[in-house]
Amino acid sequence: MERKMFMRVEEVADVLDVSVPYAYKLIRGLNKELKEKGCMVIAGRIDRKYFYERFYGGTLYQREEENSNASI
């Protein structure tokens, strides 16, 4: 199964076990950080790799990528 580049607010809320309004708040904060770095952002979505780097140091994202490549 191919992973999408961006996570939607519902997925963020599910992964972190938080409410959808709080997930929107987190996404706004992460998108603000990305904007300050000069990146383009999409409201209500967050880059999957950046999300995992900021919350889990990238380790879960790396495992997720390895698992999706192993099934190919």
PDB file of N, CA and C in Angstrom:
ATOM      1  N   MET A   1       0.840  -1.183   0.000  1.00  0.00           N
ATOM      2  CA  MET A   1       0.000   0.000   0.000  1.00  0.00           C
ATOM      3  C   MET A   1       0.879   1.238   0.000  1.00  0.00           C
ATOM      4  N   GLU A   2       0.636   2.124  -0.927  1.00  0.00           N
ATOM      5  CA  GLU A   2       1.424   3.341  -1.039  1.00  0.00           C
ATOM      6  C   GLU A   2       0.993   4.356   0.018  1.00  0.00           C
ATOM      7  N   ARG A   3       1.963   4.939   0.713  1.00  0.00           N
ATOM      8  CA  ARG A   3       1.673   5.955   1.722  1.00  0.00           C
ATOM      9  C   ARG A   3       1.638   7.309   1.054  1.00  0.00           C
ATOM     10  N   LYS A   4       0.663   8.102   1.422  1.00  0.00           N
ATOM     11  CA  LYS A   4       0.557   9.452   0.879  1.00  0.00           C
ATOM     12  C   LYS A   4       1.570  10.356   1.559  1.00  0.00           C
ATOM     13  N   MET A   5       1.953  11.393   0.851  1.00  0.00           N
ATOM     14  CA  MET A   5       2.972  12.316   1.359  1.00  0.00           C
ATOM     15  C   MET A   5       2.455  13.131   2.550  1.00  0.00           C
ATOM     16  N   PHE A   6       1.173  13.483   2.516  1.00  0.00           N
ATOM     17  CA  PHE A   6       0.604  14.326   3.569  1.00  0.00           C
ATOM     18  C   PHE A   6      -0.382  13.552   4.425  1.00  0.00           C
ATOM     19  N   MET A   7      -0.412  13.918   5.687  1.00  0.00           N
ATOM     20  CA  MET A   7      -1.386  13.359   6.618  1.00  0.00           C
ATOM     21  C   MET A   7      -2.510  14.369   6.783  1.00  0.00           C
ATOM     22  N   ARG A   8      -3.736  13.893   6.812  1.00  0.00           N
ATOM     23  CA  ARG A   8      -4.882  14.754   7.082  1.00  0.00           C
ATOM     24  C   ARG A   8      -5.112  14.807   8.588  1.00  0.00           C
ATOM     25  N   VAL A   9      -5.911  15.761   8.995  1.00  0.00           N
ATOM     26  CA  VAL A   9      -6.128  15.997  10.415  1.00  0.00           C
ATOM     27  C   VAL A   9      -6.690  14.764  11.123  1.00  0.00           C
ATOM     28  N   GLU A  10      -7.553  14.012  10.479  1.00  0.00           N
ATOM     29  CA  GLU A  10      -8.129  12.830  11.114  1.00  0.00           C
ATOM     30  C   GLU A  10      -7.067  11.787  11.425  1.00  0.00           C
ATOM     31  N   GLU A  11      -6.103  11.633  10.519  1.00  0.00           N
ATOM     32  CA  GLU A  11      -5.030  10.672  10.749  1.00  0.00           C
ATOM     33  C   GLU A  11      -4.124  11.131  11.889  1.00  0.00           C
ATOM     34  N   VAL A  12      -3.812  12.423  11.924  1.00  0.00           N
ATOM     35  CA  VAL A  12      -2.989  12.970  13.014  1.00  0.00           C
ATOM     36  C   VAL A  12      -3.694  12.735  14.345  1.00  0.00           C
ATOM     37  N   ALA A  13      -4.988  13.028  14.407  1.00  0.00           N
ATOM     38  CA  ALA A  13      -5.759  12.829  15.636  1.00  0.00           C
ATOM     39  C   ALA A  13      -5.732  11.363  16.058  1.00  0.00           C
ATOM     40  N   ASP A  14      -5.847  10.465  15.101  1.00  0.00           N
ATOM     41  CA  ASP A  14      -5.850   9.038  15.398  1.00  0.00           C
ATOM     42  C   ASP A  14      -4.480   8.563  15.893  1.00  0.00           C
ATOM     43  N   VAL A  15      -3.414   8.959  15.211  1.00  0.00           N
ATOM     44  CA  VAL A  15      -2.055   8.539  15.588  1.00  0.00           C
ATOM     45  C   VAL A  15      -1.702   9.025  16.990  1.00  0.00           C
ATOM     46  N   LEU A  16      -2.077  10.266  17.304  1.00  0.00           N
ATOM     47  CA  LEU A  16      -1.723  10.845  18.601  1.00  0.00           C
ATOM     48  C   LEU A  16      -2.787  10.627  19.669  1.00  0.00           C
ATOM     49  N   ASP A  17      -3.934  10.073  19.272  1.00  0.00           N
ATOM     50  CA  ASP A  17      -5.053   9.857  20.186  1.00  0.00           C
ATOM     51  C   ASP A  17      -5.485  11.171  20.853  1.00  0.00           C
ATOM     52  N   VAL A  18      -5.708  12.173  20.003  1.00  0.00           N
ATOM     53  CA  VAL A  18      -6.181  13.478  20.461  1.00  0.00           C
ATOM     54  C   VAL A  18      -7.426  13.842  19.673  1.00  0.00           C
ATOM     55  N   SER A  19      -8.098  14.927  20.088  1.00  0.00           N
ATOM     56  CA  SER A  19      -9.297  15.376  19.384  1.00  0.00           C
ATOM     57  C   SER A  19      -8.920  16.008  18.045  1.00  0.00           C
ATOM     58  N   VAL A  20      -9.877  16.065  17.141  1.00  0.00           N
ATOM     59  CA  VAL A  20      -9.648  16.685  15.837  1.00  0.00           C
ATOM     60  C   VAL A  20      -9.304  18.165  15.990  1.00  0.00           C
ATOM     61  N   PRO A  21     -10.016  18.933  16.847  1.00  0.00           N
ATOM     62  CA  PRO A  21      -9.618  20.343  17.004  1.00  0.00           C
ATOM     63  C   PRO A  21      -8.173  20.506  17.502  1.00  0.00           C
ATOM     64  N   TYR A  22      -7.746  19.628  18.406  1.00  0.00           N
ATOM     65  CA  TYR A  22      -6.365  19.721  18.892  1.00  0.00           C
ATOM     66  C   TYR A  22      -5.375  19.324  17.800  1.00  0.00           C
ATOM     67  N   ALA A  23      -5.747  18.351  16.987  1.00  0.00           N
ATOM     68  CA  ALA A  23      -4.892  17.957  15.868  1.00  0.00           C
ATOM     69  C   ALA A  23      -4.720  19.122  14.898  1.00  0.00           C
ATOM     70  N   TYR A  24      -5.798  19.884  14.644  1.00  0.00           N
ATOM     71  CA  TYR A  24      -5.683  21.077  13.797  1.00  0.00           C
ATOM     72  C   TYR A  24      -4.689  22.065  14.399  1.00  0.00           C
ATOM     73  N   LYS A  25      -4.746  22.241  15.710  1.00  0.00           N
ATOM     74  CA  LYS A  25      -3.824  23.164  16.384  1.00  0.00           C
ATOM     75  C   LYS A  25      -2.373  22.707  16.209  1.00  0.00           C
ATOM     76  N   LEU A  26      -2.140  21.408  16.360  1.00  0.00           N
ATOM     77  CA  LEU A  26      -0.789  20.874  16.177  1.00  0.00           C
ATOM     78  C   LEU A  26      -0.317  21.057  14.739  1.00  0.00           C
ATOM     79  N   ILE A  27      -1.187  20.780  13.776  1.00  0.00           N
ATOM     80  CA  ILE A  27      -0.829  20.933  12.367  1.00  0.00           C
ATOM     81  C   ILE A  27      -0.507  22.386  12.054  1.00  0.00           C
ATOM     82  N   ARG A  28      -1.300  23.315  12.591  1.00  0.00           N
ATOM     83  CA  ARG A  28      -0.999  24.741  12.364  1.00  0.00           C
ATOM     84  C   ARG A  28       0.386  25.090  12.879  1.00  0.00           C
ATOM     85  N   GLY A  29       0.743  24.582  14.056  1.00  0.00           N
ATOM     86  CA  GLY A  29       2.070  24.841  14.615  1.00  0.00           C
ATOM     87  C   GLY A  29       3.186  24.249  13.768  1.00  0.00           C
ATOM     88  N   LEU A  30       3.008  23.017  13.336  1.00  0.00           N
ATOM     89  CA  LEU A  30       4.021  22.376  12.495  1.00  0.00           C
ATOM     90  C   LEU A  30       4.140  23.081  11.149  1.00  0.00           C
ATOM     91  N   ASN A  31       2.995  23.466  10.568  1.00  0.00           N
ATOM     92  CA  ASN A  31       3.031  24.184   9.294  1.00  0.00           C
ATOM     93  C   ASN A  31       3.700  25.546   9.439  1.00  0.00           C
ATOM     94  N   LYS A  32       3.525  26.188  10.590  1.00  0.00           N
ATOM     95  CA  LYS A  32       4.196  27.465  10.840  1.00  0.00           C
ATOM     96  C   LYS A  32       5.713  27.268  10.835  1.00  0.00           C
ATOM     97  N   GLU A  33       6.169  26.198  11.483  1.00  0.00           N
ATOM     98  CA  GLU A  33       7.606  25.888  11.486  1.00  0.00           C
ATOM     99  C   GLU A  33       8.115  25.678  10.062  1.00  0.00           C
ATOM    100  N   LEU A  34       7.369  24.930   9.269  1.00  0.00           N
ATOM    101  CA  LEU A  34       7.782  24.667   7.888  1.00  0.00           C
ATOM    102  C   LEU A  34       7.807  25.951   7.057  1.00  0.00           C
ATOM    103  N   LYS A  35       6.808  26.810   7.258  1.00  0.00           N
ATOM    104  CA  LYS A  35       6.778  28.090   6.531  1.00  0.00           C
ATOM    105  C   LYS A  35       8.005  28.923   6.857  1.00  0.00           C
ATOM    106  N   GLU A  36       8.375  28.949   8.134  1.00  0.00           N
ATOM    107  CA  GLU A  36       9.546  29.718   8.561  1.00  0.00           C
ATOM    108  C   GLU A  36      10.832  29.178   7.939  1.00  0.00           C
ATOM    109  N   LYS A  37      10.826  27.891   7.569  1.00  0.00           N
ATOM    110  CA  LYS A  37      11.974  27.294   6.893  1.00  0.00           C
ATOM    111  C   LYS A  37      11.918  27.527   5.384  1.00  0.00           C
ATOM    112  N   GLY A  38      10.837  28.160   4.921  1.00  0.00           N
ATOM    113  CA  GLY A  38      10.699  28.459   3.502  1.00  0.00           C
ATOM    114  C   GLY A  38       9.941  27.417   2.704  1.00  0.00           C
ATOM    115  N   CYS A  39       9.291  26.492   3.387  1.00  0.00           N
ATOM    116  CA  CYS A  39       8.539  25.431   2.698  1.00  0.00           C
ATOM    117  C   CYS A  39       7.116  25.885   2.391  1.00  0.00           C
ATOM    118  N   MET A  40       6.551  25.301   1.364  1.00  0.00           N
ATOM    119  CA  MET A  40       5.136  25.496   1.052  1.00  0.00           C
ATOM    120  C   MET A  40       4.339  24.557   1.954  1.00  0.00           C
ATOM    121  N   VAL A  41       3.175  25.001   2.403  1.00  0.00           N
ATOM    122  CA  VAL A  41       2.337  24.159   3.260  1.00  0.00           C
ATOM    123  C   VAL A  41       0.908  24.149   2.736  1.00  0.00           C
ATOM    124  N   ILE A  42       0.152  23.157   3.170  1.00  0.00           N
ATOM    125  CA  ILE A  42      -1.265  23.041   2.837  1.00  0.00           C
ATOM    126  C   ILE A  42      -2.025  23.047   4.152  1.00  0.00           C
ATOM    127  N   ALA A  43      -2.977  23.955   4.278  1.00  0.00           N
ATOM    128  CA  ALA A  43      -3.765  24.064   5.506  1.00  0.00           C
ATOM    129  C   ALA A  43      -4.486  22.747   5.777  1.00  0.00           C
ATOM    130  N   GLY A  44      -4.446  22.306   7.033  1.00  0.00           N
ATOM    131  CA  GLY A  44      -5.139  21.089   7.430  1.00  0.00           C
ATOM    132  C   GLY A  44      -4.408  19.808   7.094  1.00  0.00           C
ATOM    133  N   ARG A  45      -3.203  19.929   6.550  1.00  0.00           N
ATOM    134  CA  ARG A  45      -2.400  18.752   6.221  1.00  0.00           C
ATOM    135  C   ARG A  45      -0.962  19.004   6.658  1.00  0.00           C
ATOM    136  N   ILE A  46      -0.252  17.914   6.928  1.00  0.00           N
ATOM    137  CA  ILE A  46       1.137  18.037   7.339  1.00  0.00           C
ATOM    138  C   ILE A  46       1.951  16.965   6.623  1.00  0.00           C
ATOM    139  N   ASP A  47       3.158  17.330   6.242  1.00  0.00           N
ATOM    140  CA  ASP A  47       4.067  16.379   5.611  1.00  0.00           C
ATOM    141  C   ASP A  47       4.307  15.215   6.570  1.00  0.00           C
ATOM    142  N   ARG A  48       4.082  13.996   6.092  1.00  0.00           N
ATOM    143  CA  ARG A  48       4.180  12.795   6.917  1.00  0.00           C
ATOM    144  C   ARG A  48       5.566  12.648   7.534  1.00  0.00           C
ATOM    145  N   LYS A  49       6.615  12.837   6.761  1.00  0.00           N
ATOM    146  CA  LYS A  49       7.977  12.666   7.263  1.00  0.00           C
ATOM    147  C   LYS A  49       8.287  13.698   8.349  1.00  0.00           C
ATOM    148  N   TYR A  50       7.889  14.953   8.128  1.00  0.00           N
ATOM    149  CA  TYR A  50       8.145  16.004   9.119  1.00  0.00           C
ATOM    150  C   TYR A  50       7.384  15.711  10.412  1.00  0.00           C
ATOM    151  N   PHE A  51       6.144  15.262  10.279  1.00  0.00           N
ATOM    152  CA  PHE A  51       5.342  14.919  11.456  1.00  0.00           C
ATOM    153  C   PHE A  51       6.064  13.887  12.312  1.00  0.00           C
ATOM    154  N   TYR A  52       6.506  12.786  11.688  1.00  0.00           N
ATOM    155  CA  TYR A  52       7.171  11.726  12.445  1.00  0.00           C
ATOM    156  C   TYR A  52       8.526  12.173  12.993  1.00  0.00           C
ATOM    157  N   GLU A  53       9.227  13.034  12.272  1.00  0.00           N
ATOM    158  CA  GLU A  53      10.499  13.553  12.788  1.00  0.00           C
ATOM    159  C   GLU A  53      10.268  14.372  14.044  1.00  0.00           C
ATOM    160  N   ARG A  54       9.250  15.222  14.030  1.00  0.00           N
ATOM    161  CA  ARG A  54       9.009  16.107  15.165  1.00  0.00           C
ATOM    162  C   ARG A  54       8.440  15.371  16.376  1.00  0.00           C
ATOM    163  N   PHE A  55       7.602  14.378  16.160  1.00  0.00           N
ATOM    164  CA  PHE A  55       6.977  13.688  17.281  1.00  0.00           C
ATOM    165  C   PHE A  55       7.742  12.461  17.744  1.00  0.00           C
ATOM    166  N   TYR A  56       8.400  11.779  16.844  1.00  0.00           N
ATOM    167  CA  TYR A  56       9.037  10.513  17.203  1.00  0.00           C
ATOM    168  C   TYR A  56      10.497  10.435  16.770  1.00  0.00           C
ATOM    169  N   GLY A  57      11.082  11.530  16.369  1.00  0.00           N
ATOM    170  CA  GLY A  57      12.470  11.523  15.940  1.00  0.00           C
ATOM    171  C   GLY A  57      12.693  10.784  14.627  1.00  0.00           C
ATOM    172  N   GLY A  58      11.619  10.535  13.895  1.00  0.00           N
ATOM    173  CA  GLY A  58      11.723   9.882  12.601  1.00  0.00           C
ATOM    174  C   GLY A  58      11.770   8.373  12.664  1.00  0.00           C
ATOM    175  N   THR A  59      11.904   7.788  13.850  1.00  0.00           N
ATOM    176  CA  THR A  59      12.076   6.344  13.946  1.00  0.00           C
ATOM    177  C   THR A  59      10.839   5.577  13.484  1.00  0.00           C
ATOM    178  N   LEU A  60       9.664   6.027  13.842  1.00  0.00           N
ATOM    179  CA  LEU A  60       8.448   5.338  13.412  1.00  0.00           C
ATOM    180  C   LEU A  60       8.246   5.491  11.914  1.00  0.00           C
ATOM    181  N   TYR A  61       8.582   6.662  11.375  1.00  0.00           N
ATOM    182  CA  TYR A  61       8.447   6.875   9.939  1.00  0.00           C
ATOM    183  C   TYR A  61       9.368   5.935   9.178  1.00  0.00           C
ATOM    184  N   GLN A  62      10.592   5.769   9.661  1.00  0.00           N
ATOM    185  CA  GLN A  62      11.549   4.885   9.000  1.00  0.00           C
ATOM    186  C   GLN A  62      11.049   3.450   9.019  1.00  0.00           C
ATOM    187  N   ARG A  63      10.500   3.004  10.146  1.00  0.00           N
ATOM    188  CA  ARG A  63       9.959   1.647  10.240  1.00  0.00           C
ATOM    189  C   ARG A  63       8.764   1.485   9.310  1.00  0.00           C
ATOM    190  N   GLU A  64       7.918   2.512   9.240  1.00  0.00           N
ATOM    191  CA  GLU A  64       6.747   2.487   8.369  1.00  0.00           C
ATOM    192  C   GLU A  64       7.176   2.347   6.909  1.00  0.00           C
ATOM    193  N   GLU A  65       8.218   3.083   6.511  1.00  0.00           N
ATOM    194  CA  GLU A  65       8.734   3.020   5.148  1.00  0.00           C
ATOM    195  C   GLU A  65       9.318   1.635   4.853  1.00  0.00           C
ATOM    196  N   GLU A  66      10.078   1.089   5.798  1.00  0.00           N
ATOM    197  CA  GLU A  66      10.665  -0.229   5.615  1.00  0.00           C
ATOM    198  C   GLU A  66       9.585  -1.297   5.448  1.00  0.00           C
ATOM    199  N   ASN A  67       8.530  -1.214   6.243  1.00  0.00           N
ATOM    200  CA  ASN A  67       7.437  -2.174   6.166  1.00  0.00           C
ATOM    201  C   ASN A  67       6.700  -2.074   4.834  1.00  0.00           C
ATOM    202  N   SER A  68       6.498  -0.852   4.332  1.00  0.00           N
ATOM    203  CA  SER A  68       5.782  -0.704   3.071  1.00  0.00           C
ATOM    204  C   SER A  68       6.643  -1.171   1.894  1.00  0.00           C
ATOM    205  N   ASN A  69       7.969  -1.010   1.985  1.00  0.00           N
ATOM    206  CA  ASN A  69       8.868  -1.477   0.930  1.00  0.00           C
ATOM    207  C   ASN A  69       9.020  -2.997   0.952  1.00  0.00           C
ATOM    208  N   ALA A  70       8.923  -3.594   2.112  1.00  0.00           N
ATOM    209  CA  ALA A  70       9.075  -5.036   2.236  1.00  0.00           C
ATOM    210  C   ALA A  70       7.918  -5.784   1.590  1.00  0.00           C
ATOM    211  N   SER A  71       6.757  -5.138   1.527  1.00  0.00           N
ATOM    212  CA  SER A  71       5.577  -5.803   0.956  1.00  0.00           C
ATOM    213  C   SER A  71       5.500  -5.678  -0.541  1.00  0.00           C
ATOM    214  N   ILE A  72       6.456  -4.988  -1.153  1.00  0.00           N
ATOM    215  CA  ILE A  72       6.449  -4.803  -2.615  1.00  0.00           C
ATOM    216  C   ILE A  72       7.037  -6.010  -3.310  1.00  0.00           C
TER     217      ILE A  72
END
